[in-house]
Amino acid sequence: MQKDDGERAMAPEALAHLFNRRANAGDVEGLVALYEPDAVLAAGRIVATGHAEIRSFYADLLARRSEFPMADELPAIRNGGLAMTFARLPNGTISVETAREQADGSWLWIIDQLKIKPAAERA
């Protein structure tokens, strides 16, 4: 398990790139560092709140999976210091997040909804 490289997302769209790089490196701490301390991550039936639960979620995920393909990053929708970010995975699944600008100008996720399946796949 590698440690957080310290690189910060200076735009909300940069979070997805950092996620991909850190996930493929097996960097659980780097993934946790993309979230505010009280952030919420929802993945199917799992809801992880705060760094400890998010860390546990990613430790489990990375133990089971080692390759994360790069997603198509879609333009963020911004409203002041808040932004909705979107990514489309190669299988068509969509990820939607809410990010907040930090005092140093960097961005962190505060809400993360992983893997929303396209309507045709939900049936």
N, C-alpha and C. Protein backbone atom coordinates (compact mmCIF):
# COMPACT_ATOMS: atom_id res chain seq x y z
N MET A 1 0.84 -1.18 0.00
CA MET A 1 0.00 0.00 0.00
C MET A 1 0.89 1.24 0.00
N GLN A 2 0.72 2.10 -0.97
CA GLN A 2 1.52 3.31 -1.06
C GLN A 2 0.89 4.43 -0.26
N LYS A 3 1.67 5.46 -0.01
CA LYS A 3 1.19 6.62 0.73
C LYS A 3 0.75 7.71 -0.22
N ASP A 4 -0.13 8.58 0.26
CA ASP A 4 -0.61 9.74 -0.47
C ASP A 4 0.59 10.53 -0.99
N ASP A 5 0.60 10.84 -2.29
CA ASP A 5 1.71 11.57 -2.89
C ASP A 5 1.65 13.07 -2.61
N GLY A 6 0.60 13.53 -1.98
CA GLY A 6 0.48 14.94 -1.61
C GLY A 6 -0.07 15.83 -2.71
N GLU A 7 -0.21 15.32 -3.94
CA GLU A 7 -0.74 16.14 -5.02
C GLU A 7 -2.21 16.46 -4.74
N ARG A 8 -2.58 17.70 -4.93
CA ARG A 8 -3.95 18.15 -4.69
C ARG A 8 -4.64 18.46 -6.00
N ALA A 9 -5.94 18.27 -6.04
CA ALA A 9 -6.74 18.61 -7.22
C ALA A 9 -7.01 20.11 -7.18
N MET A 10 -6.48 20.83 -8.14
CA MET A 10 -6.67 22.28 -8.17
C MET A 10 -7.88 22.67 -9.03
N ALA A 11 -8.58 21.70 -9.54
CA ALA A 11 -9.85 21.86 -10.24
C ALA A 11 -10.68 20.63 -9.91
N PRO A 12 -12.00 20.76 -9.83
CA PRO A 12 -12.81 19.59 -9.48
C PRO A 12 -12.65 18.43 -10.46
N GLU A 13 -12.42 18.75 -11.73
CA GLU A 13 -12.26 17.70 -12.74
C GLU A 13 -10.99 16.87 -12.51
N ALA A 14 -10.02 17.41 -11.79
CA ALA A 14 -8.76 16.71 -11.54
C ALA A 14 -8.91 15.57 -10.54
N LEU A 15 -9.98 15.57 -9.77
CA LEU A 15 -10.18 14.52 -8.77
C LEU A 15 -10.26 13.13 -9.41
N ALA A 16 -10.95 13.01 -10.54
CA ALA A 16 -11.09 11.70 -11.20
C ALA A 16 -9.73 11.17 -11.66
N HIS A 17 -8.89 12.05 -12.18
CA HIS A 17 -7.55 11.63 -12.62
C HIS A 17 -6.73 11.13 -11.43
N LEU A 18 -6.77 11.89 -10.33
CA LEU A 18 -6.04 11.47 -9.13
C LEU A 18 -6.59 10.15 -8.59
N PHE A 19 -7.91 10.01 -8.64
CA PHE A 19 -8.52 8.75 -8.19
C PHE A 19 -7.96 7.58 -9.00
N ASN A 20 -7.97 7.71 -10.31
CA ASN A 20 -7.53 6.62 -11.17
C ASN A 20 -6.07 6.26 -10.90
N ARG A 21 -5.23 7.26 -10.83
CA ARG A 21 -3.81 7.01 -10.60
C ARG A 21 -3.57 6.33 -9.24
N ARG A 22 -4.23 6.84 -8.21
CA ARG A 22 -4.02 6.28 -6.88
C ARG A 22 -4.64 4.89 -6.73
N ALA A 23 -5.81 4.67 -7.33
CA ALA A 23 -6.44 3.34 -7.26
C ALA A 23 -5.55 2.31 -7.94
N ASN A 24 -5.02 2.64 -9.11
CA ASN A 24 -4.16 1.71 -9.84
C ASN A 24 -2.84 1.47 -9.13
N ALA A 25 -2.42 2.41 -8.27
CA ALA A 25 -1.20 2.24 -7.49
C ALA A 25 -1.47 1.51 -6.17
N GLY A 26 -2.74 1.22 -5.88
CA GLY A 26 -3.08 0.57 -4.61
C GLY A 26 -2.94 1.49 -3.42
N ASP A 27 -3.09 2.79 -3.64
CA ASP A 27 -2.85 3.82 -2.62
C ASP A 27 -4.15 4.16 -1.87
N VAL A 28 -4.46 3.38 -0.84
CA VAL A 28 -5.68 3.61 -0.07
C VAL A 28 -5.66 4.99 0.57
N GLU A 29 -4.55 5.38 1.19
CA GLU A 29 -4.47 6.68 1.85
C GLU A 29 -4.62 7.83 0.85
N GLY A 30 -4.08 7.64 -0.35
CA GLY A 30 -4.24 8.65 -1.39
C GLY A 30 -5.68 8.80 -1.81
N LEU A 31 -6.43 7.70 -1.86
CA LEU A 31 -7.85 7.77 -2.19
C LEU A 31 -8.63 8.48 -1.09
N VAL A 32 -8.35 8.14 0.16
CA VAL A 32 -9.03 8.79 1.28
C VAL A 32 -8.76 10.29 1.28
N ALA A 33 -7.56 10.68 0.87
CA ALA A 33 -7.18 12.10 0.85
C ALA A 33 -7.96 12.91 -0.18
N LEU A 34 -8.71 12.26 -1.06
CA LEU A 34 -9.53 12.97 -2.05
C LEU A 34 -10.87 13.42 -1.46
N TYR A 35 -11.14 13.06 -0.21
CA TYR A 35 -12.42 13.34 0.44
C TYR A 35 -12.25 14.25 1.65
N GLU A 36 -13.25 15.09 1.91
CA GLU A 36 -13.29 15.83 3.16
C GLU A 36 -13.46 14.83 4.32
N PRO A 37 -13.05 15.20 5.53
CA PRO A 37 -13.12 14.26 6.65
C PRO A 37 -14.50 13.67 6.94
N ASP A 38 -15.57 14.40 6.67
CA ASP A 38 -16.91 13.89 6.96
C ASP A 38 -17.69 13.56 5.68
N ALA A 39 -16.98 13.28 4.60
CA ALA A 39 -17.61 12.98 3.31
C ALA A 39 -18.42 11.69 3.39
N VAL A 40 -19.33 11.55 2.42
CA VAL A 40 -20.16 10.35 2.30
C VAL A 40 -19.91 9.72 0.94
N LEU A 41 -19.65 8.40 0.94
CA LEU A 41 -19.46 7.64 -0.28
C LEU A 41 -20.53 6.56 -0.32
N ALA A 42 -21.28 6.52 -1.40
CA ALA A 42 -22.31 5.48 -1.57
C ALA A 42 -21.92 4.62 -2.76
N ALA A 43 -21.92 3.31 -2.53
CA ALA A 43 -21.59 2.35 -3.58
C ALA A 43 -22.54 1.17 -3.46
N GLY A 44 -23.60 1.22 -4.24
CA GLY A 44 -24.62 0.18 -4.13
C GLY A 44 -25.29 0.28 -2.78
N ARG A 45 -25.25 -0.81 -2.03
CA ARG A 45 -25.89 -0.82 -0.71
C ARG A 45 -24.97 -0.35 0.41
N ILE A 46 -23.74 -0.07 0.06
CA ILE A 46 -22.76 0.38 1.06
C ILE A 46 -22.77 1.90 1.12
N VAL A 47 -22.83 2.45 2.32
CA VAL A 47 -22.67 3.89 2.53
C VAL A 47 -21.56 4.05 3.56
N ALA A 48 -20.50 4.72 3.16
CA ALA A 48 -19.36 4.95 4.04
C ALA A 48 -19.32 6.45 4.37
N THR A 49 -19.29 6.76 5.65
CA THR A 49 -19.28 8.15 6.09
C THR A 49 -17.99 8.41 6.87
N GLY A 50 -17.26 9.42 6.45
CA GLY A 50 -16.02 9.79 7.13
C GLY A 50 -14.82 8.98 6.65
N HIS A 51 -13.65 9.51 6.97
CA HIS A 51 -12.41 8.91 6.49
C HIS A 51 -12.24 7.45 6.92
N ALA A 52 -12.58 7.11 8.15
CA ALA A 52 -12.36 5.72 8.60
C ALA A 52 -13.17 4.73 7.78
N GLU A 53 -14.44 5.03 7.55
CA GLU A 53 -15.29 4.11 6.77
C GLU A 53 -14.89 4.12 5.30
N ILE A 54 -14.52 5.27 4.77
CA ILE A 54 -14.08 5.34 3.37
C ILE A 54 -12.78 4.56 3.21
N ARG A 55 -11.88 4.67 4.17
CA ARG A 55 -10.63 3.91 4.14
C ARG A 55 -10.92 2.41 4.13
N SER A 56 -11.83 1.97 4.97
CA SER A 56 -12.19 0.56 5.02
C SER A 56 -12.78 0.09 3.69
N PHE A 57 -13.64 0.91 3.10
CA PHE A 57 -14.24 0.56 1.81
C PHE A 57 -13.16 0.38 0.75
N TYR A 58 -12.22 1.35 0.65
CA TYR A 58 -11.19 1.25 -0.39
C TYR A 58 -10.18 0.15 -0.10
N ALA A 59 -9.87 -0.10 1.16
CA ALA A 59 -8.95 -1.20 1.48
C ALA A 59 -9.54 -2.52 0.99
N ASP A 60 -10.85 -2.70 1.22
CA ASP A 60 -11.53 -3.91 0.75
C ASP A 60 -11.57 -3.96 -0.77
N LEU A 61 -11.93 -2.85 -1.40
CA LEU A 61 -12.01 -2.81 -2.86
C LEU A 61 -10.66 -3.11 -3.51
N LEU A 62 -9.61 -2.48 -3.02
CA LEU A 62 -8.28 -2.68 -3.62
C LEU A 62 -7.74 -4.08 -3.35
N ALA A 63 -8.19 -4.71 -2.29
CA ALA A 63 -7.77 -6.09 -2.02
C ALA A 63 -8.39 -7.05 -3.03
N ARG A 64 -9.54 -6.67 -3.60
CA ARG A 64 -10.24 -7.53 -4.56
C ARG A 64 -9.99 -7.15 -6.01
N ARG A 65 -9.56 -5.94 -6.26
CA ARG A 65 -9.44 -5.45 -7.63
C ARG A 65 -8.16 -4.64 -7.77
N SER A 66 -7.44 -4.85 -8.87
CA SER A 66 -6.15 -4.17 -9.03
C SER A 66 -6.07 -3.27 -10.26
N GLU A 67 -7.08 -3.32 -11.12
CA GLU A 67 -7.02 -2.50 -12.34
C GLU A 67 -8.28 -1.64 -12.45
N PHE A 68 -8.04 -0.34 -12.63
CA PHE A 68 -9.13 0.62 -12.77
C PHE A 68 -8.92 1.38 -14.07
N PRO A 69 -9.73 1.10 -15.09
CA PRO A 69 -9.57 1.79 -16.38
C PRO A 69 -9.90 3.27 -16.23
N MET A 70 -9.26 4.07 -17.04
CA MET A 70 -9.51 5.52 -17.01
C MET A 70 -10.93 5.78 -17.50
N ALA A 71 -11.62 6.62 -16.79
CA ALA A 71 -12.98 6.99 -17.15
C ALA A 71 -12.97 8.23 -18.03
N ASP A 72 -14.03 8.42 -18.80
CA ASP A 72 -14.22 9.67 -19.54
C ASP A 72 -14.69 10.71 -18.53
N GLU A 73 -13.91 11.76 -18.37
CA GLU A 73 -14.29 12.82 -17.45
C GLU A 73 -15.21 13.79 -18.19
N LEU A 74 -16.38 13.98 -17.65
CA LEU A 74 -17.34 14.90 -18.24
C LEU A 74 -17.20 16.25 -17.57
N PRO A 75 -17.59 17.33 -18.23
CA PRO A 75 -17.43 18.66 -17.63
C PRO A 75 -18.17 18.78 -16.30
N ALA A 76 -17.52 19.42 -15.34
CA ALA A 76 -18.14 19.65 -14.03
C ALA A 76 -19.16 20.78 -14.16
N ILE A 77 -20.14 20.75 -13.29
CA ILE A 77 -21.09 21.85 -13.15
C ILE A 77 -20.73 22.57 -11.87
N ARG A 78 -20.40 23.85 -11.97
CA ARG A 78 -19.95 24.62 -10.81
C ARG A 78 -20.97 25.66 -10.37
N ASN A 79 -21.00 25.86 -9.06
CA ASN A 79 -21.76 26.95 -8.45
C ASN A 79 -20.90 27.47 -7.31
N GLY A 80 -20.13 28.49 -7.60
CA GLY A 80 -19.21 29.03 -6.60
C GLY A 80 -18.21 27.98 -6.18
N GLY A 81 -18.16 27.71 -4.88
CA GLY A 81 -17.20 26.75 -4.33
C GLY A 81 -17.70 25.32 -4.30
N LEU A 82 -18.80 25.03 -5.01
CA LEU A 82 -19.31 23.66 -5.12
C LEU A 82 -19.28 23.23 -6.57
N ALA A 83 -19.10 21.94 -6.79
CA ALA A 83 -19.10 21.42 -8.16
C ALA A 83 -19.62 19.99 -8.16
N MET A 84 -20.39 19.66 -9.20
CA MET A 84 -20.76 18.27 -9.44
C MET A 84 -19.81 17.75 -10.51
N THR A 85 -19.19 16.61 -10.24
CA THR A 85 -18.29 15.99 -11.20
C THR A 85 -18.90 14.68 -11.66
N PHE A 86 -18.55 14.30 -12.89
CA PHE A 86 -19.13 13.11 -13.52
C PHE A 86 -18.02 12.37 -14.25
N ALA A 87 -18.11 11.06 -14.23
CA ALA A 87 -17.19 10.23 -15.01
C ALA A 87 -17.96 9.05 -15.57
N ARG A 88 -17.68 8.71 -16.83
CA ARG A 88 -18.30 7.54 -17.47
C ARG A 88 -17.23 6.47 -17.62
N LEU A 89 -17.48 5.32 -16.99
CA LEU A 89 -16.54 4.21 -17.07
C LEU A 89 -16.67 3.51 -18.41
N PRO A 90 -15.66 2.75 -18.82
CA PRO A 90 -15.73 2.07 -20.12
C PRO A 90 -16.97 1.18 -20.29
N ASN A 91 -17.53 0.65 -19.21
CA ASN A 91 -18.73 -0.20 -19.32
C ASN A 91 -20.03 0.61 -19.36
N GLY A 92 -19.94 1.94 -19.39
CA GLY A 92 -21.11 2.80 -19.47
C GLY A 92 -21.63 3.28 -18.13
N THR A 93 -21.12 2.73 -17.05
CA THR A 93 -21.52 3.14 -15.72
C THR A 93 -21.08 4.58 -15.48
N ILE A 94 -21.91 5.31 -14.75
CA ILE A 94 -21.62 6.71 -14.44
C ILE A 94 -21.31 6.86 -12.96
N SER A 95 -20.36 7.70 -12.64
CA SER A 95 -20.04 8.07 -11.26
C SER A 95 -20.35 9.57 -11.13
N VAL A 96 -21.01 9.93 -10.03
CA VAL A 96 -21.39 11.34 -9.81
C VAL A 96 -20.90 11.74 -8.42
N GLU A 97 -20.23 12.88 -8.35
CA GLU A 97 -19.70 13.35 -7.08
C GLU A 97 -20.00 14.84 -6.89
N THR A 98 -20.00 15.25 -5.64
CA THR A 98 -20.06 16.67 -5.30
C THR A 98 -18.73 17.02 -4.64
N ALA A 99 -18.10 18.07 -5.14
CA ALA A 99 -16.81 18.51 -4.60
C ALA A 99 -16.96 19.92 -4.03
N ARG A 100 -16.09 20.22 -3.07
CA ARG A 100 -16.10 21.57 -2.48
C ARG A 100 -14.68 22.13 -2.55
N GLU A 101 -14.61 23.41 -2.90
CA GLU A 101 -13.32 24.09 -2.93
C GLU A 101 -12.84 24.32 -1.50
N GLN A 102 -11.57 24.06 -1.28
CA GLN A 102 -10.97 24.22 0.04
C GLN A 102 -10.31 25.60 0.16
N ALA A 103 -9.94 25.97 1.35
CA ALA A 103 -9.34 27.29 1.61
C ALA A 103 -8.07 27.53 0.80
N ASP A 104 -7.32 26.45 0.49
CA ASP A 104 -6.08 26.60 -0.27
C ASP A 104 -6.29 26.58 -1.79
N GLY A 105 -7.57 26.53 -2.23
CA GLY A 105 -7.87 26.51 -3.65
C GLY A 105 -7.98 25.12 -4.24
N SER A 106 -7.67 24.09 -3.46
CA SER A 106 -7.81 22.71 -3.95
C SER A 106 -9.27 22.28 -3.79
N TRP A 107 -9.59 21.11 -4.34
CA TRP A 107 -10.95 20.57 -4.30
C TRP A 107 -10.95 19.19 -3.69
N LEU A 108 -11.98 18.88 -2.89
CA LEU A 108 -12.17 17.56 -2.31
C LEU A 108 -13.62 17.14 -2.49
N TRP A 109 -13.83 15.84 -2.62
CA TRP A 109 -15.19 15.34 -2.70
C TRP A 109 -15.85 15.36 -1.34
N ILE A 110 -17.14 15.70 -1.31
CA ILE A 110 -17.92 15.65 -0.08
C ILE A 110 -19.02 14.60 -0.17
N ILE A 111 -19.46 14.29 -1.39
CA ILE A 111 -20.44 13.24 -1.64
C ILE A 111 -19.97 12.49 -2.89
N ASP A 112 -20.00 11.17 -2.82
CA ASP A 112 -19.55 10.36 -3.95
C ASP A 112 -20.56 9.23 -4.15
N GLN A 113 -21.21 9.24 -5.30
CA GLN A 113 -22.15 8.16 -5.68
C GLN A 113 -21.49 7.36 -6.78
N LEU A 114 -20.96 6.21 -6.42
CA LEU A 114 -20.27 5.36 -7.39
C LEU A 114 -21.26 4.56 -8.21
N LYS A 115 -20.93 4.35 -9.44
CA LYS A 115 -21.58 3.38 -10.32
C LYS A 115 -23.10 3.46 -10.41
N ILE A 116 -23.56 4.43 -11.11
CA ILE A 116 -24.97 4.51 -11.46
C ILE A 116 -25.11 3.85 -12.82
N LYS A 117 -25.85 2.76 -12.88
CA LYS A 117 -25.99 2.02 -14.13
C LYS A 117 -26.94 2.75 -15.06
N PRO A 118 -26.66 2.72 -16.37
CA PRO A 118 -27.59 3.29 -17.35
C PRO A 118 -28.95 2.62 -17.22
N ALA A 119 -30.01 3.34 -17.57
CA ALA A 119 -31.39 2.86 -17.40
C ALA A 119 -31.61 1.49 -18.05
N ALA A 120 -31.02 1.22 -19.20
CA ALA A 120 -31.23 -0.04 -19.92
C ALA A 120 -30.72 -1.23 -19.10
N GLU A 121 -29.73 -1.01 -18.22
CA GLU A 121 -29.14 -2.10 -17.44
C GLU A 121 -29.85 -2.32 -16.13
N ARG A 122 -30.72 -1.40 -15.69
CA ARG A 122 -31.37 -1.53 -14.39
C ARG A 122 -32.51 -2.53 -14.39
N ALA A 123 -33.05 -2.84 -15.53
CA ALA A 123 -34.23 -3.72 -15.59
C ALA A 123 -33.94 -5.13 -15.17
